[in-house]
Amino acid sequence: MIGTEVGVSSWVLVDQARIDAFADVTGDHQFIHVDPVRAAQTPFGGTIAHGFLTLSLLSALALEAQPKIAGAEMGINYGFDKVRFLAPVKAGDRVRGRFTLAALSQPGPKEVDITWASTIEIDGGKRPALAADWLNRFYLNEGEQT
């Protein structure tokens, strides 16, 4: 299945309340994210989501869209080989995730590493908001092996 798209999530609304909550959690209150009046004067015409907010949505989008790994006890984020922010997510946009199985390896008898070619697209957008090669590691239950 390497190279196969394995899942697409539902649309998720990125509204101003979500952007403001992310700003509060991270301490990033740059006006382009939290001040609709001032942000309206920029080329974006309004507030936009933090790039890291968009990136962080991968986890929730993946829970719905990616297939379950048989025998997995738990999975963790292992990192990214590449992340690109390609288009801004404006307050009020809806986004969804697309996941393609890019690579799979077994570094240990009870470990599986998966690289997902991940895209977050914007409803009605010409370009995706984000493209990333996302690495996950899964730990298999005792007695389970791939």
Protein backbone atom coordinates (compact mmCIF):
# COMPACT_ATOMS: atom_id res chain seq x y z
CA MET A 1 0.00 0.00 0.00
CA ILE A 2 3.02 2.33 -0.11
CA GLY A 3 2.02 5.32 -2.22
CA THR A 4 -1.70 4.75 -1.63
CA GLU A 5 -3.99 7.37 -0.13
CA VAL A 6 -5.45 5.63 2.91
CA GLY A 7 -7.80 8.21 4.35
CA VAL A 8 -9.49 11.59 4.16
CA SER A 9 -10.98 13.24 7.23
CA SER A 10 -14.18 15.22 7.61
CA TRP A 11 -14.09 19.00 7.38
CA VAL A 12 -13.17 20.90 10.56
CA LEU A 13 -14.04 24.56 11.14
CA VAL A 14 -11.15 26.85 12.08
CA ASP A 15 -13.06 29.75 13.58
CA GLN A 16 -11.81 32.78 15.47
CA ALA A 17 -12.56 31.13 18.83
CA ARG A 18 -10.21 28.23 17.98
CA ILE A 19 -7.51 30.65 16.80
CA ASP A 20 -7.86 32.75 19.97
CA ALA A 21 -7.69 29.64 22.18
CA PHE A 22 -4.51 28.51 20.41
CA ALA A 23 -3.03 32.00 20.89
CA ASP A 24 -3.80 31.81 24.61
CA VAL A 25 -2.23 28.36 25.00
CA THR A 26 0.94 29.23 23.06
CA GLY A 27 1.30 32.89 24.04
CA ASP A 28 1.44 33.87 20.35
CA HIS A 29 -0.91 36.86 20.16
CA GLN A 30 0.44 38.39 16.95
CA PHE A 31 -2.25 40.71 15.59
CA ILE A 32 -2.58 38.77 12.31
CA HIS A 33 -4.16 35.98 14.37
CA VAL A 34 -6.19 37.77 17.05
CA ASP A 35 -7.08 41.30 15.91
CA PRO A 36 -9.71 41.16 13.13
CA VAL A 37 -9.76 44.95 12.64
CA ARG A 38 -6.03 45.35 12.25
CA ALA A 39 -5.68 42.07 10.29
CA ALA A 40 -8.29 43.32 7.81
CA GLN A 41 -5.69 45.86 6.65
CA THR A 42 -3.21 43.15 5.64
CA PRO A 43 -3.05 41.30 2.32
CA PHE A 44 -4.96 38.44 4.02
CA GLY A 45 -8.00 40.65 4.58
CA GLY A 46 -8.62 39.25 8.06
CA THR A 47 -7.22 36.99 10.72
CA ILE A 48 -5.46 33.74 9.85
CA ALA A 49 -4.71 30.64 11.88
CA HIS A 50 -1.23 30.11 13.25
CA GLY A 51 0.77 27.76 11.06
CA PHE A 52 1.40 25.63 14.13
CA LEU A 53 -2.34 25.47 14.81
CA THR A 54 -2.85 24.10 11.31
CA LEU A 55 -0.01 21.62 11.85
CA SER A 56 -1.39 20.53 15.22
CA LEU A 57 -4.74 19.66 13.63
CA LEU A 58 -3.03 16.72 11.91
CA SER A 59 -3.45 14.63 15.06
CA ALA A 60 -7.23 15.04 15.27
CA LEU A 61 -7.70 14.68 11.52
CA ALA A 62 -5.56 11.53 11.49
CA LEU A 63 -7.55 9.86 14.28
CA GLU A 64 -10.55 9.85 12.01
CA ALA A 65 -8.89 9.24 8.65
CA GLN A 66 -5.94 6.91 9.13
CA PRO A 67 -6.45 3.16 9.36
CA LYS A 68 -5.92 1.51 12.73
CA ILE A 69 -2.67 -0.43 13.09
CA ALA A 70 -3.43 -4.03 14.05
CA GLY A 71 -1.84 -4.96 17.37
CA ALA A 72 -0.79 -1.38 18.20
CA GLU A 73 -0.73 -0.65 21.91
CA MET A 74 0.10 3.02 21.37
CA GLY A 75 1.42 5.43 18.79
CA ILE A 76 3.57 8.54 19.13
CA ASN A 77 4.64 11.46 16.99
CA TYR A 78 8.18 10.72 15.91
CA GLY A 79 8.78 13.91 13.95
CA PHE A 80 8.61 15.44 10.51
CA ASP A 81 10.95 15.13 7.58
CA LYS A 82 9.37 18.11 5.86
CA VAL A 83 6.67 20.66 6.65
CA ARG A 84 5.52 23.39 4.29
CA PHE A 85 2.85 26.02 4.95
CA LEU A 86 1.47 26.62 1.46
CA ALA A 87 -1.60 28.80 1.98
CA PRO A 88 -3.06 30.66 4.97
CA VAL A 89 -6.10 29.30 6.77
CA LYS A 90 -8.42 32.26 7.28
CA ALA A 91 -10.74 32.48 10.26
CA GLY A 92 -13.95 30.73 9.22
CA ASP A 93 -12.26 28.31 6.78
CA ARG A 94 -12.88 24.59 6.93
CA VAL A 95 -9.96 22.19 6.58
CA ARG A 96 -9.53 18.45 6.20
CA GLY A 97 -6.63 16.03 6.15
CA ARG A 98 -5.50 13.61 3.42
CA PHE A 99 -3.07 10.84 4.29
CA THR A 100 -0.98 8.69 1.99
CA LEU A 101 1.19 5.85 3.23
CA ALA A 102 4.67 6.99 2.15
CA ALA A 103 6.92 4.52 3.98
CA LEU A 104 6.83 1.74 6.54
CA SER A 105 9.65 0.09 8.46
CA GLN A 106 10.13 -2.09 11.51
CA PRO A 107 13.09 -0.82 13.58
CA GLY A 108 12.45 -3.36 16.35
CA PRO A 109 10.38 -6.51 16.86
CA LYS A 110 7.52 -4.60 18.49
CA GLU A 111 7.90 -1.23 16.71
CA VAL A 112 6.56 0.00 13.41
CA ASP A 113 7.53 3.38 11.90
CA ILE A 114 5.18 4.92 9.38
CA THR A 115 5.71 8.01 7.27
CA TRP A 116 2.52 9.68 6.13
CA ALA A 117 2.48 12.09 3.21
CA SER A 118 -0.01 14.43 4.85
CA THR A 119 -1.93 17.32 3.35
CA ILE A 120 -4.33 19.75 4.96
CA GLU A 121 -6.61 21.25 2.35
CA ILE A 122 -8.87 24.26 2.63
CA ASP A 123 -12.50 23.92 1.52
CA GLY A 124 -12.69 25.82 -1.77
CA GLY A 125 -8.97 26.66 -1.69
CA LYS A 126 -6.74 26.56 -4.73
CA ARG A 127 -3.74 25.27 -2.77
CA PRO A 128 -3.46 23.15 0.35
CA ALA A 129 -2.74 24.91 3.60
CA LEU A 130 -0.01 22.46 4.51
CA ALA A 131 2.00 19.53 3.22
CA ALA A 132 4.11 17.42 5.57
CA ASP A 133 5.98 14.14 5.72
CA TRP A 134 4.87 13.05 9.18
CA LEU A 135 6.55 10.21 11.08
CA ASN A 136 4.71 8.07 13.61
CA ARG A 137 6.00 5.17 15.67
CA PHE A 138 3.64 2.44 16.84
CA TYR A 139 4.41 0.03 19.65
CA LEU A 140 2.86 -3.40 19.30
CA ASN A 141 1.25 -5.45 22.08
CA GLU A 142 3.14 -8.35 23.58
CA GLY A 143 2.89 -11.30 21.23
CA GLU A 144 2.09 -9.09 18.22
CA GLN A 145 4.59 -8.72 15.43
CA THR A 146 4.27 -7.45 11.89
